[in-house]
Amino acid sequence: MQNHVHNWIDVAAEEDCVEGHAIEVLVEGELIAVFHDQGQWYAMDGMCAHQGGPIAQGHVADGCVTCPWHGWQYELSTGIQTINRQPLQKTYAVRAIDGRVEIDMNS
């Protein structure tokens, strides 16, 4: 089994992402939605698996985000779509350190 070596990329200031909301960041050519919800940080593909809606603009509640276009809902921690229980949104490791938010795109 290989040990994963994190490659953390600085993407934003913590203050840019208000609790209960998300921001969009462009990392290595990928649009990523970064969420700050209930004191935790999450990151997932910024385009909805359904029809490419802007996930970061969705409503965040109870550990899930609801896409603003067609209402598809995903668990923030897993990217699992809540109706069919399939992992449709890619998620990434994310952390906040010294006021900065970092993402590991290889996670």
C-alpha atoms as a PDB file:
ATOM      1  CA  MET A   1       0.000   0.000   0.000  1.00  0.00           C
ATOM      2  CA  GLN A   2       1.388   3.388  -0.960  1.00  0.00           C
ATOM      3  CA  ASN A   3       1.407   6.279   1.452  1.00  0.00           C
ATOM      4  CA  HIS A   4      -0.215   9.368   0.001  1.00  0.00           C
ATOM      5  CA  VAL A   5       1.988  12.438   0.142  1.00  0.00           C
ATOM      6  CA  HIS A   6      -0.165  15.524   0.295  1.00  0.00           C
ATOM      7  CA  ASN A   7       0.493  18.299  -2.175  1.00  0.00           C
ATOM      8  CA  TRP A   8      -1.272  21.214  -0.506  1.00  0.00           C
ATOM      9  CA  ILE A   9      -2.112  24.192  -2.727  1.00  0.00           C
ATOM     10  CA  ASP A  10      -3.040  27.537  -1.190  1.00  0.00           C
ATOM     11  CA  VAL A  11      -6.396  28.598  -2.683  1.00  0.00           C
ATOM     12  CA  ALA A  12      -7.968  31.282  -0.459  1.00  0.00           C
ATOM     13  CA  ALA A  13      -8.017  33.160   2.820  1.00  0.00           C
ATOM     14  CA  GLU A  14     -10.227  31.604   5.504  1.00  0.00           C
ATOM     15  CA  GLU A  15     -12.127  34.895   5.779  1.00  0.00           C
ATOM     16  CA  ASP A  16     -13.116  34.633   2.087  1.00  0.00           C
ATOM     17  CA  CYS A  17     -15.344  31.639   2.822  1.00  0.00           C
ATOM     18  CA  VAL A  18     -18.074  32.506   5.304  1.00  0.00           C
ATOM     19  CA  GLU A  19     -19.492  29.798   7.571  1.00  0.00           C
ATOM     20  CA  GLY A  20     -22.448  28.041   5.911  1.00  0.00           C
ATOM     21  CA  HIS A  21     -21.419  29.102   2.408  1.00  0.00           C
ATOM     22  CA  ALA A  22     -18.947  28.271  -0.347  1.00  0.00           C
ATOM     23  CA  ILE A  23     -16.569  29.953  -2.745  1.00  0.00           C
ATOM     24  CA  GLU A  24     -15.361  28.934  -6.186  1.00  0.00           C
ATOM     25  CA  VAL A  25     -11.635  28.622  -6.786  1.00  0.00           C
ATOM     26  CA  LEU A  26      -9.689  27.630  -9.875  1.00  0.00           C
ATOM     27  CA  VAL A  27      -6.977  25.089  -9.035  1.00  0.00           C
ATOM     28  CA  GLU A  28      -4.797  23.497 -11.711  1.00  0.00           C
ATOM     29  CA  GLY A  29      -7.452  24.313 -14.322  1.00  0.00           C
ATOM     30  CA  GLU A  30     -10.270  22.740 -12.282  1.00  0.00           C
ATOM     31  CA  LEU A  31     -13.226  24.658 -10.822  1.00  0.00           C
ATOM     32  CA  ILE A  32     -13.494  23.683  -7.153  1.00  0.00           C
ATOM     33  CA  ALA A  33     -16.190  24.579  -4.616  1.00  0.00           C
ATOM     34  CA  VAL A  34     -14.782  25.143  -1.126  1.00  0.00           C
ATOM     35  CA  PHE A  35     -17.283  24.955   1.742  1.00  0.00           C
ATOM     36  CA  HIS A  36     -17.094  26.065   5.363  1.00  0.00           C
ATOM     37  CA  ASP A  37     -19.944  24.370   7.215  1.00  0.00           C
ATOM     38  CA  GLN A  38     -20.377  23.793  10.930  1.00  0.00           C
ATOM     39  CA  GLY A  39     -16.706  24.509  11.577  1.00  0.00           C
ATOM     40  CA  GLN A  40     -15.498  21.992   8.973  1.00  0.00           C
ATOM     41  CA  TRP A  41     -13.907  22.522   5.566  1.00  0.00           C
ATOM     42  CA  TYR A  42     -14.904  20.630   2.421  1.00  0.00           C
ATOM     43  CA  ALA A  43     -13.937  20.801  -1.239  1.00  0.00           C
ATOM     44  CA  MET A  44     -15.560  19.209  -4.273  1.00  0.00           C
ATOM     45  CA  ASP A  45     -15.845  19.541  -8.018  1.00  0.00           C
ATOM     46  CA  GLY A  46     -17.417  22.944  -8.607  1.00  0.00           C
ATOM     47  CA  MET A  47     -19.647  21.768 -11.458  1.00  0.00           C
ATOM     48  CA  CYS A  48     -22.710  19.666 -10.671  1.00  0.00           C
ATOM     49  CA  ALA A  49     -22.545  16.130 -12.083  1.00  0.00           C
ATOM     50  CA  HIS A  50     -26.082  16.564 -13.419  1.00  0.00           C
ATOM     51  CA  GLN A  51     -25.733  19.469 -15.874  1.00  0.00           C
ATOM     52  CA  GLY A  52     -22.728  21.472 -14.727  1.00  0.00           C
ATOM     53  CA  GLY A  53     -24.504  23.843 -12.368  1.00  0.00           C
ATOM     54  CA  PRO A  54     -22.452  26.075 -10.036  1.00  0.00           C
ATOM     55  CA  ILE A  55     -22.262  23.963  -6.871  1.00  0.00           C
ATOM     56  CA  ALA A  56     -20.647  26.759  -4.815  1.00  0.00           C
ATOM     57  CA  GLN A  57     -23.784  28.874  -5.323  1.00  0.00           C
ATOM     58  CA  GLY A  58     -25.988  26.151  -3.857  1.00  0.00           C
ATOM     59  CA  HIS A  59     -27.774  26.119  -0.502  1.00  0.00           C
ATOM     60  CA  VAL A  60     -25.706  24.542   2.291  1.00  0.00           C
ATOM     61  CA  ALA A  61     -27.521  22.794   5.163  1.00  0.00           C
ATOM     62  CA  ASP A  62     -27.125  19.685   7.316  1.00  0.00           C
ATOM     63  CA  GLY A  63     -23.783  18.712   5.779  1.00  0.00           C
ATOM     64  CA  CYS A  64     -25.142  18.847   2.213  1.00  0.00           C
ATOM     65  CA  VAL A  65     -25.202  21.261  -0.701  1.00  0.00           C
ATOM     66  CA  THR A  66     -28.142  21.623  -3.095  1.00  0.00           C
ATOM     67  CA  CYS A  67     -27.316  22.667  -6.647  1.00  0.00           C
ATOM     68  CA  PRO A  68     -29.142  25.904  -7.515  1.00  0.00           C
ATOM     69  CA  TRP A  69     -30.029  24.761 -11.041  1.00  0.00           C
ATOM     70  CA  HIS A  70     -32.025  21.543 -10.575  1.00  0.00           C
ATOM     71  CA  GLY A  71     -31.885  20.734  -6.880  1.00  0.00           C
ATOM     72  CA  TRP A  72     -29.476  17.816  -6.948  1.00  0.00           C
ATOM     73  CA  GLN A  73     -28.078  17.408  -3.450  1.00  0.00           C
ATOM     74  CA  TYR A  74     -24.671  16.087  -2.399  1.00  0.00           C
ATOM     75  CA  GLU A  75     -23.030  15.238   0.907  1.00  0.00           C
ATOM     76  CA  LEU A  76     -20.171  17.683   1.478  1.00  0.00           C
ATOM     77  CA  SER A  77     -17.850  15.080   2.988  1.00  0.00           C
ATOM     78  CA  THR A  78     -18.280  12.345   0.353  1.00  0.00           C
ATOM     79  CA  GLY A  79     -19.773  13.847  -2.824  1.00  0.00           C
ATOM     80  CA  ILE A  80     -22.531  11.221  -2.626  1.00  0.00           C
ATOM     81  CA  GLN A  81     -25.775  12.280  -4.321  1.00  0.00           C
ATOM     82  CA  THR A  82     -28.417  11.985  -1.605  1.00  0.00           C
ATOM     83  CA  ILE A  83     -31.194  10.359  -3.682  1.00  0.00           C
ATOM     84  CA  ASN A  84     -29.382   7.614  -5.606  1.00  0.00           C
ATOM     85  CA  ARG A  85     -26.562   7.311  -3.018  1.00  0.00           C
ATOM     86  CA  GLN A  86     -23.877   7.338  -5.710  1.00  0.00           C
ATOM     87  CA  PRO A  87     -20.572   9.240  -5.307  1.00  0.00           C
ATOM     88  CA  LEU A  88     -21.099  11.597  -8.247  1.00  0.00           C
ATOM     89  CA  GLN A  89     -19.074  14.630  -7.110  1.00  0.00           C
ATOM     90  CA  LYS A  90     -15.310  14.302  -6.718  1.00  0.00           C
ATOM     91  CA  THR A  91     -14.151  15.513  -3.308  1.00  0.00           C
ATOM     92  CA  TYR A  92     -10.724  16.730  -2.235  1.00  0.00           C
ATOM     93  CA  ALA A  93      -8.804  16.945   1.021  1.00  0.00           C
ATOM     94  CA  VAL A  94      -8.937  20.489   2.359  1.00  0.00           C
ATOM     95  CA  ARG A  95      -7.527  22.190   5.429  1.00  0.00           C
ATOM     96  CA  ALA A  96      -7.248  25.627   6.973  1.00  0.00           C
ATOM     97  CA  ILE A  97      -3.871  26.627   8.391  1.00  0.00           C
ATOM     98  CA  ASP A  98      -2.714  30.037   9.620  1.00  0.00           C
ATOM     99  CA  GLY A  99      -5.712  31.785   8.054  1.00  0.00           C
ATOM    100  CA  ARG A 100      -5.254  30.159   4.642  1.00  0.00           C
ATOM    101  CA  VAL A 101      -7.276  27.400   2.957  1.00  0.00           C
ATOM    102  CA  GLU A 102      -5.370  24.663   1.151  1.00  0.00           C
ATOM    103  CA  ILE A 103      -6.536  21.829  -1.126  1.00  0.00           C
ATOM    104  CA  ASP A 104      -4.810  18.595  -2.106  1.00  0.00           C
ATOM    105  CA  MET A 105      -5.857  17.959  -5.716  1.00  0.00           C
ATOM    106  CA  ASN A 106      -4.385  14.433  -5.598  1.00  0.00           C
ATOM    107  CA  SER A 107      -6.579  13.240  -2.763  1.00  0.00           C
END
